[in-house]
Structure formats: structure tokens, C-alpha cells
Amino acid sequence: VQLVAVRGEEASESVPEGVVIRTEPGAGSEVPRDSEVVVVVSTGPPLVEVPDVLGGIASDVADLLEGLGLDIAGVVGSPGDTVVDLDPSPGSLVESGTDVTIYSELLDLLD
């Protein structure tokens, strides 16, 4: 049987990057000769963009980031103060579960 393989990609939490997730049509399907078969390959875990939450209250920002699937490494400063920086920085594309450090306004008082 001659088939034409076409690569597709999809993020996956459970299938490592570069491993085939599935084919379309699925295994066992009968297709005419020279049909296209999409081979869907994992790109790894989905990426999350670190949002621009500078100016928010650190404790609220922590809740928001956790809701996006990021982990909070800690808050440097007071959880009730204004966020002045994040590590990784806003706009960064990171894997779900990445540790984020929140820096609050208290740091400005120490400079």
C-alpha cells in the first residue's frame, strides 16, 4: 500500500516531544492507494505565555499564574504589595508547571 505521509503537530502533556500521538485516519482504517495520512507528532507540553501583570497585587497575581498552570516559586516582598517584576519576565513562553518568582514593590524601598 502506498500512502503519502503528512506531518501534523500537537501539544501534549502526556506524550514526549517528537513521539507520534496518532494518525488520521486512525490505525486499521482502509484508505485508497496514494491517500494522505496525517502523522500527528507531539511538540511536548503546551506553552503558556507569562502575562503582563505588573502593577497587580502579588497575592492576586499568584492566584492568576497558578490558574494558568504555572507554579509560584515565591514572592520576594510582601504578598499585599504591587508587583514590579516577574521571573521569567512577562511575555515569555514557558512550559506549564514552570516556576515563577514574583517581585513586589517592597524591593524598591531597599534600593
C-alpha atoms as a PDB file:
ATOM      1  CA  VAL A   1       0.000   0.000   0.000  1.00  0.00           C
ATOM      2  CA  GLN A   2       1.397   3.395  -0.927  1.00  0.00           C
ATOM      3  CA  LEU A   3       0.431   6.285   1.292  1.00  0.00           C
ATOM      4  CA  VAL A   4       1.541   9.900   1.485  1.00  0.00           C
ATOM      5  CA  ALA A   5       2.587  10.881   5.000  1.00  0.00           C
ATOM      6  CA  VAL A   6       1.839  14.438   6.090  1.00  0.00           C
ATOM      7  CA  ARG A   7       3.236  15.683   9.382  1.00  0.00           C
ATOM      8  CA  GLY A   8       0.898  17.276  11.901  1.00  0.00           C
ATOM      9  CA  GLU A   9       1.837  18.644  15.307  1.00  0.00           C
ATOM     10  CA  GLU A  10       0.013  18.898  18.607  1.00  0.00           C
ATOM     11  CA  ALA A  11       0.980  19.814  22.162  1.00  0.00           C
ATOM     12  CA  SER A  12       0.643  17.024  24.713  1.00  0.00           C
ATOM     13  CA  GLU A  13       1.092  16.817  28.468  1.00  0.00           C
ATOM     14  CA  SER A  14       1.482  13.027  28.327  1.00  0.00           C
ATOM     15  CA  VAL A  15       3.347  12.280  25.077  1.00  0.00           C
ATOM     16  CA  PRO A  16       7.006  13.393  24.917  1.00  0.00           C
ATOM     17  CA  GLU A  17       8.163  15.769  22.184  1.00  0.00           C
ATOM     18  CA  GLY A  18       8.880  14.032  18.876  1.00  0.00           C
ATOM     19  CA  VAL A  19       6.746  10.941  19.591  1.00  0.00           C
ATOM     20  CA  VAL A  20       3.738  10.089  17.398  1.00  0.00           C
ATOM     21  CA  ILE A  21       0.406  10.722  19.126  1.00  0.00           C
ATOM     22  CA  ARG A  22      -1.869   9.283  16.432  1.00  0.00           C
ATOM     23  CA  THR A  23      -2.559   9.046  12.721  1.00  0.00           C
ATOM     24  CA  GLU A  24      -5.530  10.428  10.803  1.00  0.00           C
ATOM     25  CA  PRO A  25      -7.260   8.307   9.643  1.00  0.00           C
ATOM     26  CA  GLY A  26      -6.623   6.041  12.588  1.00  0.00           C
ATOM     27  CA  ALA A  27      -4.815   2.716  12.641  1.00  0.00           C
ATOM     28  CA  GLY A  28      -6.750  -0.057  10.924  1.00  0.00           C
ATOM     29  CA  SER A  29      -8.648   2.315   8.616  1.00  0.00           C
ATOM     30  CA  GLU A  30      -8.801   1.386   4.948  1.00  0.00           C
ATOM     31  CA  VAL A  31      -7.878   4.159   2.538  1.00  0.00           C
ATOM     32  CA  PRO A  32      -7.296   4.279  -1.220  1.00  0.00           C
ATOM     33  CA  ARG A  33      -3.775   3.992  -2.567  1.00  0.00           C
ATOM     34  CA  ASP A  34      -1.837   7.293  -2.575  1.00  0.00           C
ATOM     35  CA  SER A  35      -4.088   8.748   0.143  1.00  0.00           C
ATOM     36  CA  GLU A  36      -2.675  11.261   2.586  1.00  0.00           C
ATOM     37  CA  VAL A  37      -2.228  10.070   6.157  1.00  0.00           C
ATOM     38  CA  VAL A  38      -1.561  12.715   8.783  1.00  0.00           C
ATOM     39  CA  VAL A  39       1.018  11.613  11.344  1.00  0.00           C
ATOM     40  CA  VAL A  40       0.414  13.770  14.433  1.00  0.00           C
ATOM     41  CA  VAL A  41       3.657  14.294  16.388  1.00  0.00           C
ATOM     42  CA  SER A  42       3.876  15.719  19.908  1.00  0.00           C
ATOM     43  CA  THR A  43       5.501  19.111  20.387  1.00  0.00           C
ATOM     44  CA  GLY A  44       5.671  18.407  24.127  1.00  0.00           C
ATOM     45  CA  PRO A  45       3.734  20.213  26.833  1.00  0.00           C
ATOM     46  CA  PRO A  46       1.732  23.257  25.789  1.00  0.00           C
ATOM     47  CA  LEU A  47       3.439  26.584  26.249  1.00  0.00           C
ATOM     48  CA  VAL A  48       1.994  29.283  28.482  1.00  0.00           C
ATOM     49  CA  GLU A  49       2.675  32.976  27.972  1.00  0.00           C
ATOM     50  CA  VAL A  50       3.622  34.705  31.216  1.00  0.00           C
ATOM     51  CA  PRO A  51       1.060  37.531  31.346  1.00  0.00           C
ATOM     52  CA  ASP A  52       1.888  41.185  31.929  1.00  0.00           C
ATOM     53  CA  VAL A  53       0.523  41.528  35.451  1.00  0.00           C
ATOM     54  CA  LEU A  54       2.908  44.232  36.610  1.00  0.00           C
ATOM     55  CA  GLY A  55       1.032  46.619  38.863  1.00  0.00           C
ATOM     56  CA  GLY A  56      -1.243  43.907  40.250  1.00  0.00           C
ATOM     57  CA  ILE A  57      -1.321  42.800  43.882  1.00  0.00           C
ATOM     58  CA  ALA A  58       1.203  39.987  44.415  1.00  0.00           C
ATOM     59  CA  SER A  59      -1.248  37.571  46.063  1.00  0.00           C
ATOM     60  CA  ASP A  60      -3.815  38.072  43.266  1.00  0.00           C
ATOM     61  CA  VAL A  61      -1.097  37.652  40.639  1.00  0.00           C
ATOM     62  CA  ALA A  62       0.000  34.393  42.286  1.00  0.00           C
ATOM     63  CA  ASP A  63      -3.561  33.056  42.053  1.00  0.00           C
ATOM     64  CA  LEU A  64      -3.806  34.098  38.398  1.00  0.00           C
ATOM     65  CA  LEU A  65      -0.489  32.488  37.462  1.00  0.00           C
ATOM     66  CA  GLU A  66      -1.417  29.249  39.225  1.00  0.00           C
ATOM     67  CA  GLY A  67      -4.710  29.268  37.320  1.00  0.00           C
ATOM     68  CA  LEU A  68      -2.697  29.347  34.081  1.00  0.00           C
ATOM     69  CA  GLY A  69      -0.797  26.226  35.157  1.00  0.00           C
ATOM     70  CA  LEU A  70       2.350  27.945  36.400  1.00  0.00           C
ATOM     71  CA  ASP A  71       3.945  27.262  39.785  1.00  0.00           C
ATOM     72  CA  ILE A  72       4.874  30.044  42.199  1.00  0.00           C
ATOM     73  CA  ALA A  73       8.488  29.761  43.341  1.00  0.00           C
ATOM     74  CA  GLY A  74       7.879  32.548  45.833  1.00  0.00           C
ATOM     75  CA  VAL A  75       7.042  36.178  46.418  1.00  0.00           C
ATOM     76  CA  VAL A  76      10.016  38.415  47.119  1.00  0.00           C
ATOM     77  CA  GLY A  77       8.488  41.228  49.133  1.00  0.00           C
ATOM     78  CA  SER A  78       5.019  41.424  50.598  1.00  0.00           C
ATOM     79  CA  PRO A  79       2.098  39.468  49.073  1.00  0.00           C
ATOM     80  CA  GLY A  80      -0.058  42.575  49.604  1.00  0.00           C
ATOM     81  CA  ASP A  81       2.213  44.900  47.619  1.00  0.00           C
ATOM     82  CA  THR A  82       2.265  45.811  43.936  1.00  0.00           C
ATOM     83  CA  VAL A  83       4.095  43.506  41.500  1.00  0.00           C
ATOM     84  CA  VAL A  84       7.100  45.226  39.908  1.00  0.00           C
ATOM     85  CA  ASP A  85       8.732  42.245  38.161  1.00  0.00           C
ATOM     86  CA  LEU A  86       8.403  38.543  37.374  1.00  0.00           C
ATOM     87  CA  ASP A  87      10.981  35.874  36.628  1.00  0.00           C
ATOM     88  CA  PRO A  88      10.544  34.673  33.900  1.00  0.00           C
ATOM     89  CA  SER A  89       9.509  38.057  32.543  1.00  0.00           C
ATOM     90  CA  PRO A  90       6.075  38.916  31.142  1.00  0.00           C
ATOM     91  CA  GLY A  91       5.651  37.776  27.546  1.00  0.00           C
ATOM     92  CA  SER A  92       7.937  34.750  27.977  1.00  0.00           C
ATOM     93  CA  LEU A  93       6.653  31.440  26.595  1.00  0.00           C
ATOM     94  CA  VAL A  94       7.251  28.693  29.151  1.00  0.00           C
ATOM     95  CA  GLU A  95       6.085  25.130  29.755  1.00  0.00           C
ATOM     96  CA  SER A  96       3.131  24.547  32.011  1.00  0.00           C
ATOM     97  CA  GLY A  97       4.416  23.974  35.548  1.00  0.00           C
ATOM     98  CA  THR A  98       7.312  26.423  35.233  1.00  0.00           C
ATOM     99  CA  ASP A  99       8.320  28.152  38.493  1.00  0.00           C
ATOM    100  CA  VAL A 100       7.651  31.900  38.525  1.00  0.00           C
ATOM    101  CA  THR A 101       9.111  34.290  41.106  1.00  0.00           C
ATOM    102  CA  ILE A 102       7.042  37.386  41.886  1.00  0.00           C
ATOM    103  CA  TYR A 103       8.827  40.570  42.979  1.00  0.00           C
ATOM    104  CA  SER A 104       6.741  43.150  44.796  1.00  0.00           C
ATOM    105  CA  GLU A 105       7.148  46.874  45.425  1.00  0.00           C
ATOM    106  CA  LEU A 106       8.939  46.310  48.719  1.00  0.00           C
ATOM    107  CA  LEU A 107      12.179  45.803  46.751  1.00  0.00           C
ATOM    108  CA  ASP A 108      12.085  49.419  45.553  1.00  0.00           C
ATOM    109  CA  LEU A 109      12.287  50.586  49.161  1.00  0.00           C
ATOM    110  CA  LEU A 110      15.548  48.684  49.657  1.00  0.00           C
ATOM    111  CA  ASP A 111      17.373  50.303  46.725  1.00  0.00           C
END
